[in-house]
C-alpha atoms as a PDB file:
ATOM      1  CA  UNK A   1       0.000   0.000   0.000  1.00  0.00           C
ATOM      2  CA  UNK A   2       1.261   3.470  -0.841  1.00  0.00           C
ATOM      3  CA  UNK A   3       1.639   5.262   2.543  1.00  0.00           C
ATOM      4  CA  UNK A   4       0.556   8.534   0.921  1.00  0.00           C
ATOM      5  CA  UNK A   5      -2.845   7.076   0.046  1.00  0.00           C
ATOM      6  CA  UNK A   6      -5.337   7.192   2.922  1.00  0.00           C
ATOM      7  CA  UNK A   7      -7.047   3.949   3.916  1.00  0.00           C
ATOM      8  CA  UNK A   8     -10.803   3.792   3.333  1.00  0.00           C
ATOM      9  CA  UNK A   9     -13.423   1.778   5.140  1.00  0.00           C
ATOM     10  CA  UNK A  10     -17.213   1.846   5.164  1.00  0.00           C
ATOM     11  CA  UNK A  11     -20.578   0.180   4.746  1.00  0.00           C
ATOM     12  CA  UNK A  12     -22.037  -0.723   1.353  1.00  0.00           C
ATOM     13  CA  UNK A  13     -25.723  -1.672   1.151  1.00  0.00           C
ATOM     14  CA  UNK A  14     -26.378  -4.159  -1.647  1.00  0.00           C
ATOM     15  CA  UNK A  15     -29.951  -3.704  -2.860  1.00  0.00           C
ATOM     16  CA  UNK A  16     -32.136  -4.799  -5.738  1.00  0.00           C
ATOM     17  CA  UNK A  17     -35.294  -6.629  -6.629  1.00  0.00           C
ATOM     18  CA  UNK A  18     -35.425 -10.382  -5.943  1.00  0.00           C
ATOM     19  CA  UNK A  19     -33.234 -12.803  -7.887  1.00  0.00           C
ATOM     20  CA  UNK A  20     -30.827 -10.369  -9.567  1.00  0.00           C
ATOM     21  CA  UNK A  21     -27.737 -12.059  -8.087  1.00  0.00           C
ATOM     22  CA  UNK A  22     -26.998  -9.953  -4.993  1.00  0.00           C
ATOM     23  CA  UNK A  23     -25.902 -12.847  -2.800  1.00  0.00           C
ATOM     24  CA  UNK A  24     -23.809 -14.458  -5.532  1.00  0.00           C
ATOM     25  CA  UNK A  25     -22.105 -11.096  -6.011  1.00  0.00           C
ATOM     26  CA  UNK A  26     -21.396 -10.747  -2.282  1.00  0.00           C
ATOM     27  CA  UNK A  27     -19.904 -14.250  -2.034  1.00  0.00           C
ATOM     28  CA  UNK A  28     -17.634 -13.617  -5.013  1.00  0.00           C
ATOM     29  CA  UNK A  29     -16.502 -10.233  -3.701  1.00  0.00           C
ATOM     30  CA  UNK A  30     -15.441 -11.551  -0.293  1.00  0.00           C
ATOM     31  CA  UNK A  31     -14.227 -14.938  -1.512  1.00  0.00           C
ATOM     32  CA  UNK A  32     -16.410 -17.133   0.705  1.00  0.00           C
ATOM     33  CA  UNK A  33     -19.981 -18.368   0.820  1.00  0.00           C
ATOM     34  CA  UNK A  34     -21.632 -16.411   3.634  1.00  0.00           C
ATOM     35  CA  UNK A  35     -24.923 -15.675   1.856  1.00  0.00           C
ATOM     36  CA  UNK A  36     -27.023 -18.504   0.455  1.00  0.00           C
ATOM     37  CA  UNK A  37     -28.094 -18.597  -3.183  1.00  0.00           C
ATOM     38  CA  UNK A  38     -30.577 -20.321  -5.473  1.00  0.00           C
ATOM     39  CA  UNK A  39     -32.371 -19.640  -8.725  1.00  0.00           C
ATOM     40  CA  UNK A  40     -35.573 -18.926  -6.788  1.00  0.00           C
ATOM     41  CA  UNK A  41     -36.500 -15.417  -5.708  1.00  0.00           C
ATOM     42  CA  UNK A  42     -36.524 -14.466  -2.007  1.00  0.00           C
ATOM     43  CA  UNK A  43     -33.714 -16.851  -1.068  1.00  0.00           C
ATOM     44  CA  UNK A  44     -32.120 -14.163   1.113  1.00  0.00           C
ATOM     45  CA  UNK A  45     -34.326 -13.202   4.058  1.00  0.00           C
ATOM     46  CA  UNK A  46     -31.889 -11.629   6.512  1.00  0.00           C
ATOM     47  CA  UNK A  47     -29.355  -8.846   6.382  1.00  0.00           C
ATOM     48  CA  UNK A  48     -25.967 -10.499   5.844  1.00  0.00           C
ATOM     49  CA  UNK A  49     -22.741  -8.632   6.600  1.00  0.00           C
ATOM     50  CA  UNK A  50     -19.714  -9.619   4.529  1.00  0.00           C
ATOM     51  CA  UNK A  51     -16.226  -8.142   4.882  1.00  0.00           C
ATOM     52  CA  UNK A  52     -13.475  -7.800   2.279  1.00  0.00           C
ATOM     53  CA  UNK A  53     -10.158  -6.411   3.514  1.00  0.00           C
ATOM     54  CA  UNK A  54      -7.698  -5.156   0.895  1.00  0.00           C
ATOM     55  CA  UNK A  55      -4.462  -3.226   1.380  1.00  0.00           C
ATOM     56  CA  UNK A  56      -6.053   0.175   0.826  1.00  0.00           C
ATOM     57  CA  UNK A  57      -9.682  -0.370   1.732  1.00  0.00           C
ATOM     58  CA  UNK A  58     -12.054  -2.455   3.806  1.00  0.00           C
ATOM     59  CA  UNK A  59     -15.445  -3.078   2.196  1.00  0.00           C
ATOM     60  CA  UNK A  60     -18.229  -3.943   4.635  1.00  0.00           C
ATOM     61  CA  UNK A  61     -21.095  -5.223   2.508  1.00  0.00           C
ATOM     62  CA  UNK A  62     -24.668  -5.424   3.761  1.00  0.00           C
ATOM     63  CA  UNK A  63     -26.488  -7.990   1.627  1.00  0.00           C
ATOM     64  CA  UNK A  64     -30.236  -7.440   1.867  1.00  0.00           C
ATOM     65  CA  UNK A  65     -33.316  -9.411   0.813  1.00  0.00           C
ATOM     66  CA  UNK A  66     -34.866  -8.571  -2.536  1.00  0.00           C
ATOM     67  CA  UNK A  67     -37.351  -5.760  -1.937  1.00  0.00           C
ATOM     68  CA  UNK A  68     -40.900  -7.117  -1.946  1.00  0.00           C
ATOM     69  CA  UNK A  69     -43.509  -5.109  -3.841  1.00  0.00           C
ATOM     70  CA  UNK A  70     -46.405  -7.587  -3.752  1.00  0.00           C
ATOM     71  CA  UNK A  71     -46.495 -10.149  -0.918  1.00  0.00           C
ATOM     72  CA  UNK A  72     -47.307  -8.293   2.277  1.00  0.00           C
ATOM     73  CA  UNK A  73     -47.345 -10.780   5.167  1.00  0.00           C
ATOM     74  CA  UNK A  74     -45.314 -10.161   8.329  1.00  0.00           C
ATOM     75  CA  UNK A  75     -42.288 -11.969   6.891  1.00  0.00           C
ATOM     76  CA  UNK A  76     -42.210  -9.754   3.792  1.00  0.00           C
ATOM     77  CA  UNK A  77     -42.591  -6.604   5.886  1.00  0.00           C
ATOM     78  CA  UNK A  78     -39.665  -7.699   8.061  1.00  0.00           C
ATOM     79  CA  UNK A  79     -37.550  -8.364   4.963  1.00  0.00           C
ATOM     80  CA  UNK A  80     -38.343  -4.943   3.504  1.00  0.00           C
ATOM     81  CA  UNK A  81     -37.447  -3.289   6.810  1.00  0.00           C
ATOM     82  CA  UNK A  82     -34.005  -4.872   6.684  1.00  0.00           C
ATOM     83  CA  UNK A  83     -33.500  -3.271   3.253  1.00  0.00           C
ATOM     84  CA  UNK A  84     -34.404   0.257   4.384  1.00  0.00           C
ATOM     85  CA  UNK A  85     -32.415  -0.114   7.620  1.00  0.00           C
ATOM     86  CA  UNK A  86     -29.297  -1.109   5.656  1.00  0.00           C
ATOM     87  CA  UNK A  87     -29.647   1.920   3.391  1.00  0.00           C
ATOM     88  CA  UNK A  88     -29.934   4.232   6.390  1.00  0.00           C
ATOM     89  CA  UNK A  89     -26.616   3.005   7.818  1.00  0.00           C
ATOM     90  CA  UNK A  90     -24.654   2.780   4.552  1.00  0.00           C
ATOM     91  CA  UNK A  91     -21.934   5.054   3.204  1.00  0.00           C
ATOM     92  CA  UNK A  92     -22.675   3.989  -0.371  1.00  0.00           C
ATOM     93  CA  UNK A  93     -25.364   1.864  -2.021  1.00  0.00           C
ATOM     94  CA  UNK A  94     -24.786  -0.834  -4.606  1.00  0.00           C
ATOM     95  CA  UNK A  95     -27.893  -1.312  -6.743  1.00  0.00           C
ATOM     96  CA  UNK A  96     -27.884  -4.582  -8.697  1.00  0.00           C
ATOM     97  CA  UNK A  97     -30.003  -5.072 -11.814  1.00  0.00           C
ATOM     98  CA  UNK A  98     -29.963  -7.608 -14.635  1.00  0.00           C
ATOM     99  CA  UNK A  99     -28.424  -6.956 -18.049  1.00  0.00           C
ATOM    100  CA  UNK A 100     -31.723  -8.139 -19.553  1.00  0.00           C
ATOM    101  CA  UNK A 101     -33.161  -4.685 -18.856  1.00  0.00           C
ATOM    102  CA  UNK A 102     -34.456  -2.074 -16.416  1.00  0.00           C
ATOM    103  CA  UNK A 103     -37.776  -3.050 -14.830  1.00  0.00           C
ATOM    104  CA  UNK A 104     -40.394  -1.139 -12.822  1.00  0.00           C
ATOM    105  CA  UNK A 105     -39.307  -3.059  -9.709  1.00  0.00           C
ATOM    106  CA  UNK A 106     -35.775  -1.685 -10.164  1.00  0.00           C
ATOM    107  CA  UNK A 107     -37.214   1.832 -10.133  1.00  0.00           C
ATOM    108  CA  UNK A 108     -39.103   1.022  -6.920  1.00  0.00           C
ATOM    109  CA  UNK A 109     -35.886   0.037  -5.161  1.00  0.00           C
ATOM    110  CA  UNK A 110     -34.017   3.024  -6.599  1.00  0.00           C
ATOM    111  CA  UNK A 111     -36.618   5.370  -5.144  1.00  0.00           C
ATOM    112  CA  UNK A 112     -35.826   4.089  -1.630  1.00  0.00           C
ATOM    113  CA  UNK A 113     -32.285   5.494  -1.561  1.00  0.00           C
ATOM    114  CA  UNK A 114     -31.726   8.600   0.589  1.00  0.00           C
ATOM    115  CA  UNK A 115     -31.081  11.623  -1.640  1.00  0.00           C
ATOM    116  CA  UNK A 116     -27.519  12.177  -0.372  1.00  0.00           C
ATOM    117  CA  UNK A 117     -26.448   8.524  -0.628  1.00  0.00           C
ATOM    118  CA  UNK A 118     -24.109   7.806  -3.576  1.00  0.00           C
ATOM    119  CA  UNK A 119     -25.404   4.862  -5.606  1.00  0.00           C
ATOM    120  CA  UNK A 120     -23.185   2.635  -7.751  1.00  0.00           C
ATOM    121  CA  UNK A 121     -25.132   0.595 -10.291  1.00  0.00           C
ATOM    122  CA  UNK A 122     -23.952  -2.941 -11.077  1.00  0.00           C
ATOM    123  CA  UNK A 123     -25.472  -4.374 -14.249  1.00  0.00           C
ATOM    124  CA  UNK A 124     -25.218  -8.096 -13.538  1.00  0.00           C
ATOM    125  CA  UNK A 125     -25.388 -11.225 -15.698  1.00  0.00           C
ATOM    126  CA  UNK A 126     -23.625  -9.675 -18.686  1.00  0.00           C
ATOM    127  CA  UNK A 127     -22.343 -13.164 -19.543  1.00  0.00           C
ATOM    128  CA  UNK A 128     -25.946 -14.187 -20.321  1.00  0.00           C
ATOM    129  CA  UNK A 129     -26.472 -11.284 -22.744  1.00  0.00           C
ATOM    130  CA  UNK A 130     -26.321 -12.543 -26.326  1.00  0.00           C
ATOM    131  CA  UNK A 131     -26.397  -9.124 -27.998  1.00  0.00           C
ATOM    132  CA  UNK A 132     -23.798  -6.903 -26.344  1.00  0.00           C
ATOM    133  CA  UNK A 133     -25.083  -3.770 -28.096  1.00  0.00           C
ATOM    134  CA  UNK A 134     -28.142  -4.040 -25.841  1.00  0.00           C
ATOM    135  CA  UNK A 135     -25.849  -3.342 -22.889  1.00  0.00           C
ATOM    136  CA  UNK A 136     -24.955   0.078 -24.298  1.00  0.00           C
ATOM    137  CA  UNK A 137     -28.645   0.818 -24.853  1.00  0.00           C
ATOM    138  CA  UNK A 138     -29.387  -0.153 -21.250  1.00  0.00           C
ATOM    139  CA  UNK A 139     -26.572   2.053 -19.924  1.00  0.00           C
ATOM    140  CA  UNK A 140     -27.944   5.013 -21.875  1.00  0.00           C
ATOM    141  CA  UNK A 141     -31.399   4.351 -20.428  1.00  0.00           C
ATOM    142  CA  UNK A 142     -30.384   4.042 -16.757  1.00  0.00           C
ATOM    143  CA  UNK A 143     -28.330   7.245 -16.947  1.00  0.00           C
ATOM    144  CA  UNK A 144     -31.606   9.076 -17.525  1.00  0.00           C
ATOM    145  CA  UNK A 145     -33.349   7.328 -14.641  1.00  0.00           C
ATOM    146  CA  UNK A 146     -31.002   8.236 -11.786  1.00  0.00           C
ATOM    147  CA  UNK A 147     -27.755  10.132 -11.270  1.00  0.00           C
ATOM    148  CA  UNK A 148     -25.630   7.099 -10.451  1.00  0.00           C
ATOM    149  CA  UNK A 149     -22.154   7.625  -9.015  1.00  0.00           C
ATOM    150  CA  UNK A 150     -20.917   4.947 -11.441  1.00  0.00           C
ATOM    151  CA  UNK A 151     -22.310   2.250 -13.728  1.00  0.00           C
ATOM    152  CA  UNK A 152     -20.345  -1.013 -13.910  1.00  0.00           C
ATOM    153  CA  UNK A 153     -21.300  -4.074 -16.012  1.00  0.00           C
ATOM    154  CA  UNK A 154     -20.395  -7.286 -14.122  1.00  0.00           C
ATOM    155  CA  UNK A 155     -20.839 -11.024 -13.959  1.00  0.00           C
ATOM    156  CA  UNK A 156     -21.282 -12.072 -10.326  1.00  0.00           C
ATOM    157  CA  UNK A 157     -20.987 -15.715 -11.325  1.00  0.00           C
ATOM    158  CA  UNK A 158     -17.952 -15.402 -13.621  1.00  0.00           C
ATOM    159  CA  UNK A 159     -16.142 -12.534 -11.917  1.00  0.00           C
ATOM    160  CA  UNK A 160     -16.000 -10.122 -14.869  1.00  0.00           C
ATOM    161  CA  UNK A 161     -15.926  -6.446 -13.904  1.00  0.00           C
ATOM    162  CA  UNK A 162     -15.581  -7.010 -10.158  1.00  0.00           C
ATOM    163  CA  UNK A 163     -12.209  -5.249  -9.837  1.00  0.00           C
ATOM    164  CA  UNK A 164     -13.661  -2.203 -11.575  1.00  0.00           C
ATOM    165  CA  UNK A 165     -16.690  -2.371  -9.279  1.00  0.00           C
ATOM    166  CA  UNK A 166     -14.515  -2.438  -6.157  1.00  0.00           C
ATOM    167  CA  UNK A 167     -12.555   0.524  -7.451  1.00  0.00           C
ATOM    168  CA  UNK A 168     -15.704   2.585  -7.908  1.00  0.00           C
ATOM    169  CA  UNK A 169     -17.043   1.618  -4.489  1.00  0.00           C
ATOM    170  CA  UNK A 170     -13.746   2.476  -2.773  1.00  0.00           C
ATOM    171  CA  UNK A 171     -13.895   6.021  -4.153  1.00  0.00           C
ATOM    172  CA  UNK A 172     -17.048   6.673  -2.126  1.00  0.00           C
ATOM    173  CA  UNK A 173     -15.968   5.118   1.185  1.00  0.00           C
ATOM    174  CA  UNK A 174     -14.888   7.485   3.952  1.00  0.00           C
ATOM    175  CA  UNK A 175     -11.239   7.742   4.939  1.00  0.00           C
ATOM    176  CA  UNK A 176     -11.046   5.462   7.944  1.00  0.00           C
ATOM    177  CA  UNK A 177      -9.039   2.732   9.612  1.00  0.00           C
ATOM    178  CA  UNK A 178     -10.413  -0.822   9.190  1.00  0.00           C
ATOM    179  CA  UNK A 179     -13.498  -1.465  11.309  1.00  0.00           C
ATOM    180  CA  UNK A 180     -13.029  -5.244  11.481  1.00  0.00           C
ATOM    181  CA  UNK A 181     -10.128  -7.661  11.798  1.00  0.00           C
ATOM    182  CA  UNK A 182      -8.506  -8.492   8.461  1.00  0.00           C
ATOM    183  CA  UNK A 183      -9.449 -12.190   8.655  1.00  0.00           C
ATOM    184  CA  UNK A 184     -13.130 -11.566   9.453  1.00  0.00           C
ATOM    185  CA  UNK A 185     -15.611 -12.523   6.728  1.00  0.00           C
ATOM    186  CA  UNK A 186     -18.983 -12.018   8.449  1.00  0.00           C
ATOM    187  CA  UNK A 187     -20.492 -11.043  11.791  1.00  0.00           C
ATOM    188  CA  UNK A 188     -22.970 -13.901  11.666  1.00  0.00           C
ATOM    189  CA  UNK A 189     -22.273 -16.830  14.045  1.00  0.00           C
ATOM    190  CA  UNK A 190     -21.910 -20.414  12.847  1.00  0.00           C
ATOM    191  CA  UNK A 191     -25.322 -21.255  14.328  1.00  0.00           C
ATOM    192  CA  UNK A 192     -27.025 -18.771  11.991  1.00  0.00           C
ATOM    193  CA  UNK A 193     -24.962 -19.879   8.984  1.00  0.00           C
ATOM    194  CA  UNK A 194     -25.881 -23.514   9.647  1.00  0.00           C
ATOM    195  CA  UNK A 195     -29.600 -22.701   9.522  1.00  0.00           C
ATOM    196  CA  UNK A 196     -29.118 -20.727   6.307  1.00  0.00           C
ATOM    197  CA  UNK A 197     -27.272 -23.578   4.604  1.00  0.00           C
ATOM    198  CA  UNK A 198     -30.112 -25.966   5.372  1.00  0.00           C
ATOM    199  CA  UNK A 199     -32.640 -23.446   4.080  1.00  0.00           C
ATOM    200  CA  UNK A 200     -30.639 -23.036   0.881  1.00  0.00           C
ATOM    201  CA  UNK A 201     -30.883 -26.766   0.187  1.00  0.00           C
ATOM    202  CA  UNK A 202     -34.653 -26.625   0.731  1.00  0.00           C
ATOM    203  CA  UNK A 203     -34.795 -23.884  -1.916  1.00  0.00           C
ATOM    204  CA  UNK A 204     -32.606 -25.804  -4.325  1.00  0.00           C
ATOM    205  CA  UNK A 205     -33.999 -29.301  -3.900  1.00  0.00           C
ATOM    206  CA  UNK A 206     -37.758 -28.776  -3.528  1.00  0.00           C
ATOM    207  CA  UNK A 207     -40.517 -27.500  -5.803  1.00  0.00           C
ATOM    208  CA  UNK A 208     -41.642 -23.955  -6.456  1.00  0.00           C
ATOM    209  CA  UNK A 209     -44.104 -23.571  -3.583  1.00  0.00           C
ATOM    210  CA  UNK A 210     -42.365 -25.380  -0.720  1.00  0.00           C
ATOM    211  CA  UNK A 211     -39.387 -23.055  -0.001  1.00  0.00           C
ATOM    212  CA  UNK A 212     -41.575 -20.033   0.711  1.00  0.00           C
ATOM    213  CA  UNK A 213     -43.543 -21.953   3.329  1.00  0.00           C
ATOM    214  CA  UNK A 214     -40.430 -23.049   5.248  1.00  0.00           C
ATOM    215  CA  UNK A 215     -37.824 -21.749   7.638  1.00  0.00           C
ATOM    216  CA  UNK A 216     -35.147 -23.373   9.784  1.00  0.00           C
ATOM    217  CA  UNK A 217     -34.487 -23.219  13.506  1.00  0.00           C
ATOM    218  CA  UNK A 218     -31.401 -24.674  15.232  1.00  0.00           C
ATOM    219  CA  UNK A 219     -32.388 -26.685  18.300  1.00  0.00           C
ATOM    220  CA  UNK A 220     -28.863 -27.628  19.392  1.00  0.00           C
ATOM    221  CA  UNK A 221     -25.414 -26.417  18.348  1.00  0.00           C
ATOM    222  CA  UNK A 222     -22.486 -27.922  20.230  1.00  0.00           C
ATOM    223  CA  UNK A 223     -18.795 -27.302  19.566  1.00  0.00           C
ATOM    224  CA  UNK A 224     -16.575 -30.241  20.508  1.00  0.00           C
ATOM    225  CA  UNK A 225     -13.056 -29.463  19.341  1.00  0.00           C
ATOM    226  CA  UNK A 226     -12.917 -30.376  15.672  1.00  0.00           C
ATOM    227  CA  UNK A 227     -16.594 -31.382  15.577  1.00  0.00           C
ATOM    228  CA  UNK A 228     -19.935 -29.594  15.441  1.00  0.00           C
ATOM    229  CA  UNK A 229     -23.047 -31.432  16.649  1.00  0.00           C
ATOM    230  CA  UNK A 230     -26.110 -29.740  15.188  1.00  0.00           C
ATOM    231  CA  UNK A 231     -29.810 -30.522  15.504  1.00  0.00           C
ATOM    232  CA  UNK A 232     -32.165 -28.497  13.295  1.00  0.00           C
ATOM    233  CA  UNK A 233     -35.883 -28.310  12.564  1.00  0.00           C
ATOM    234  CA  UNK A 234     -37.391 -27.240   9.256  1.00  0.00           C
ATOM    235  CA  UNK A 235     -40.704 -25.474   9.858  1.00  0.00           C
ATOM    236  CA  UNK A 236     -43.415 -25.948   7.228  1.00  0.00           C
ATOM    237  CA  UNK A 237     -46.838 -24.367   6.921  1.00  0.00           C
ATOM    238  CA  UNK A 238     -48.941 -27.443   6.040  1.00  0.00           C
ATOM    239  CA  UNK A 239     -48.870 -31.216   6.590  1.00  0.00           C
ATOM    240  CA  UNK A 240     -48.742 -31.711   2.819  1.00  0.00           C
ATOM    241  CA  UNK A 241     -45.553 -29.640   2.661  1.00  0.00           C
ATOM    242  CA  UNK A 242     -43.940 -31.998   5.156  1.00  0.00           C
ATOM    243  CA  UNK A 243     -44.753 -35.008   3.007  1.00  0.00           C
ATOM    244  CA  UNK A 244     -43.283 -33.359  -0.086  1.00  0.00           C
ATOM    245  CA  UNK A 245     -40.173 -32.181   1.743  1.00  0.00           C
ATOM    246  CA  UNK A 246     -39.440 -35.612   3.160  1.00  0.00           C
ATOM    247  CA  UNK A 247     -39.804 -37.271  -0.231  1.00  0.00           C
ATOM    248  CA  UNK A 248     -40.221 -40.983  -0.933  1.00  0.00           C
ATOM    249  CA  UNK A 249     -38.733 -42.949   1.962  1.00  0.00           C
ATOM    250  CA  UNK A 250     -37.219 -39.710   3.256  1.00  0.00           C
ATOM    251  CA  UNK A 251     -34.780 -39.492   0.350  1.00  0.00           C
ATOM    252  CA  UNK A 252     -35.225 -35.770  -0.340  1.00  0.00           C
ATOM    253  CA  UNK A 253     -34.640 -34.899   3.303  1.00  0.00           C
ATOM    254  CA  UNK A 254     -31.532 -37.098   3.408  1.00  0.00           C
ATOM    255  CA  UNK A 255     -30.117 -35.226   0.431  1.00  0.00           C
ATOM    256  CA  UNK A 256     -30.963 -31.820   1.937  1.00  0.00           C
ATOM    257  CA  UNK A 257     -29.171 -32.738   5.182  1.00  0.00           C
ATOM    258  CA  UNK A 258     -26.199 -34.306   3.399  1.00  0.00           C
ATOM    259  CA  UNK A 259     -25.537 -31.359   1.085  1.00  0.00           C
ATOM    260  CA  UNK A 260     -26.017 -28.837   3.902  1.00  0.00           C
ATOM    261  CA  UNK A 261     -23.561 -30.751   6.084  1.00  0.00           C
ATOM    262  CA  UNK A 262     -20.895 -30.711   3.356  1.00  0.00           C
ATOM    263  CA  UNK A 263     -21.266 -26.930   2.957  1.00  0.00           C
ATOM    264  CA  UNK A 264     -20.963 -26.442   6.726  1.00  0.00           C
ATOM    265  CA  UNK A 265     -17.809 -28.537   6.868  1.00  0.00           C
ATOM    266  CA  UNK A 266     -16.277 -26.493   4.054  1.00  0.00           C
ATOM    267  CA  UNK A 267     -17.052 -23.121   5.686  1.00  0.00           C
ATOM    268  CA  UNK A 268     -16.437 -24.082   9.331  1.00  0.00           C
ATOM    269  CA  UNK A 269     -13.338 -26.158   8.580  1.00  0.00           C
ATOM    270  CA  UNK A 270     -14.403 -28.990  10.910  1.00  0.00           C
ATOM    271  CA  UNK A 271     -16.421 -32.207  10.803  1.00  0.00           C
ATOM    272  CA  UNK A 272     -20.175 -31.764  11.277  1.00  0.00           C
ATOM    273  CA  UNK A 273     -22.717 -34.226  12.681  1.00  0.00           C
ATOM    274  CA  UNK A 274     -26.133 -32.997  11.524  1.00  0.00           C
ATOM    275  CA  UNK A 275     -29.660 -34.163  12.344  1.00  0.00           C
ATOM    276  CA  UNK A 276     -32.667 -32.511  10.686  1.00  0.00           C
ATOM    277  CA  UNK A 277     -36.387 -32.903  11.412  1.00  0.00           C
ATOM    278  CA  UNK A 278     -39.499 -31.405   9.796  1.00  0.00           C
ATOM    279  CA  UNK A 279     -42.277 -29.843  11.887  1.00  0.00           C
ATOM    280  CA  UNK A 280     -45.629 -28.363  10.835  1.00  0.00           C
ATOM    281  CA  UNK A 281     -46.205 -24.854  12.241  1.00  0.00           C
ATOM    282  CA  UNK A 282     -49.147 -23.303  10.419  1.00  0.00           C
ATOM    283  CA  UNK A 283     -49.100 -19.537   9.924  1.00  0.00           C
ATOM    284  CA  UNK A 284     -45.496 -19.045  11.055  1.00  0.00           C
ATOM    285  CA  UNK A 285     -44.784 -16.497   8.275  1.00  0.00           C
ATOM    286  CA  UNK A 286     -47.468 -14.116   9.610  1.00  0.00           C
ATOM    287  CA  UNK A 287     -46.796 -14.643  13.321  1.00  0.00           C
ATOM    288  CA  UNK A 288     -44.765 -11.763  14.756  1.00  0.00           C
ATOM    289  CA  UNK A 289     -43.663 -13.728  17.829  1.00  0.00           C
ATOM    290  CA  UNK A 290     -42.519 -16.683  15.756  1.00  0.00           C
ATOM    291  CA  UNK A 291     -40.682 -14.429  13.310  1.00  0.00           C
ATOM    292  CA  UNK A 292     -38.837 -12.701  16.156  1.00  0.00           C
ATOM    293  CA  UNK A 293     -37.713 -16.084  17.490  1.00  0.00           C
ATOM    294  CA  UNK A 294     -36.379 -16.869  13.990  1.00  0.00           C
ATOM    295  CA  UNK A 295     -34.269 -13.718  13.966  1.00  0.00           C
ATOM    296  CA  UNK A 296     -36.519 -11.339  11.985  1.00  0.00           C
ATOM    297  CA  UNK A 297     -36.959  -7.797  13.264  1.00  0.00           C
END
């Protein structure tokens, strides 16, 4: 690091409509899987903090749920609150949209940003764009929509454009010493990450309806040297959801638990013994007390 260049450090709120690749982008930027992903919308439900420490800057990313414009139960309201709270505490916002085009939902999220907050626009999934001239048309269009601090085409999955994106973000961070230790990746404890990894597998390995009617609670989390003993319960809204989630002879549930365990072992760096059950809890997504116990605010 050049000693004449001041170190920068600050909070970056990642925002966007559901399923534009925010969590994939966060994981790639910090080099570890701290935010779960799937092809289904609404995979992220909590605010996830991810830290990247470089020689000249520390980026503290706040990954937020996709902003909900339609479904209005207590869960969706809690998710939307986490988005607006992150924006209020951020030094710069990172708005993520798809290269396929600007949508009304993108404008809804854009309108949430405080007037004084600099906003960097990341146009994601450029690797999926067959006609690259459409990217230039999109850039011209979004420049008329909002006065963005910068516009950077990227591929969260492939890594294209991420160095340029970090450079633009760093320009808008305040001059400051690092706020977190250099080896820190997230402020979330292993217990929380374990629940999220199980929930990710539910999203990836079950049908369209089931994931949105489920959540995960950790009943027991014991650390025993190089071993984690974890007992978890997947909450479902209806008895029929439980049957589907278990699968024939429990095979789907075995796969969910097995794949989640492997992800935990990779992130935690230790062996994991995991037991998972399924429990019917009707109406949990619209029960304020239940949501609070699951970590929603």
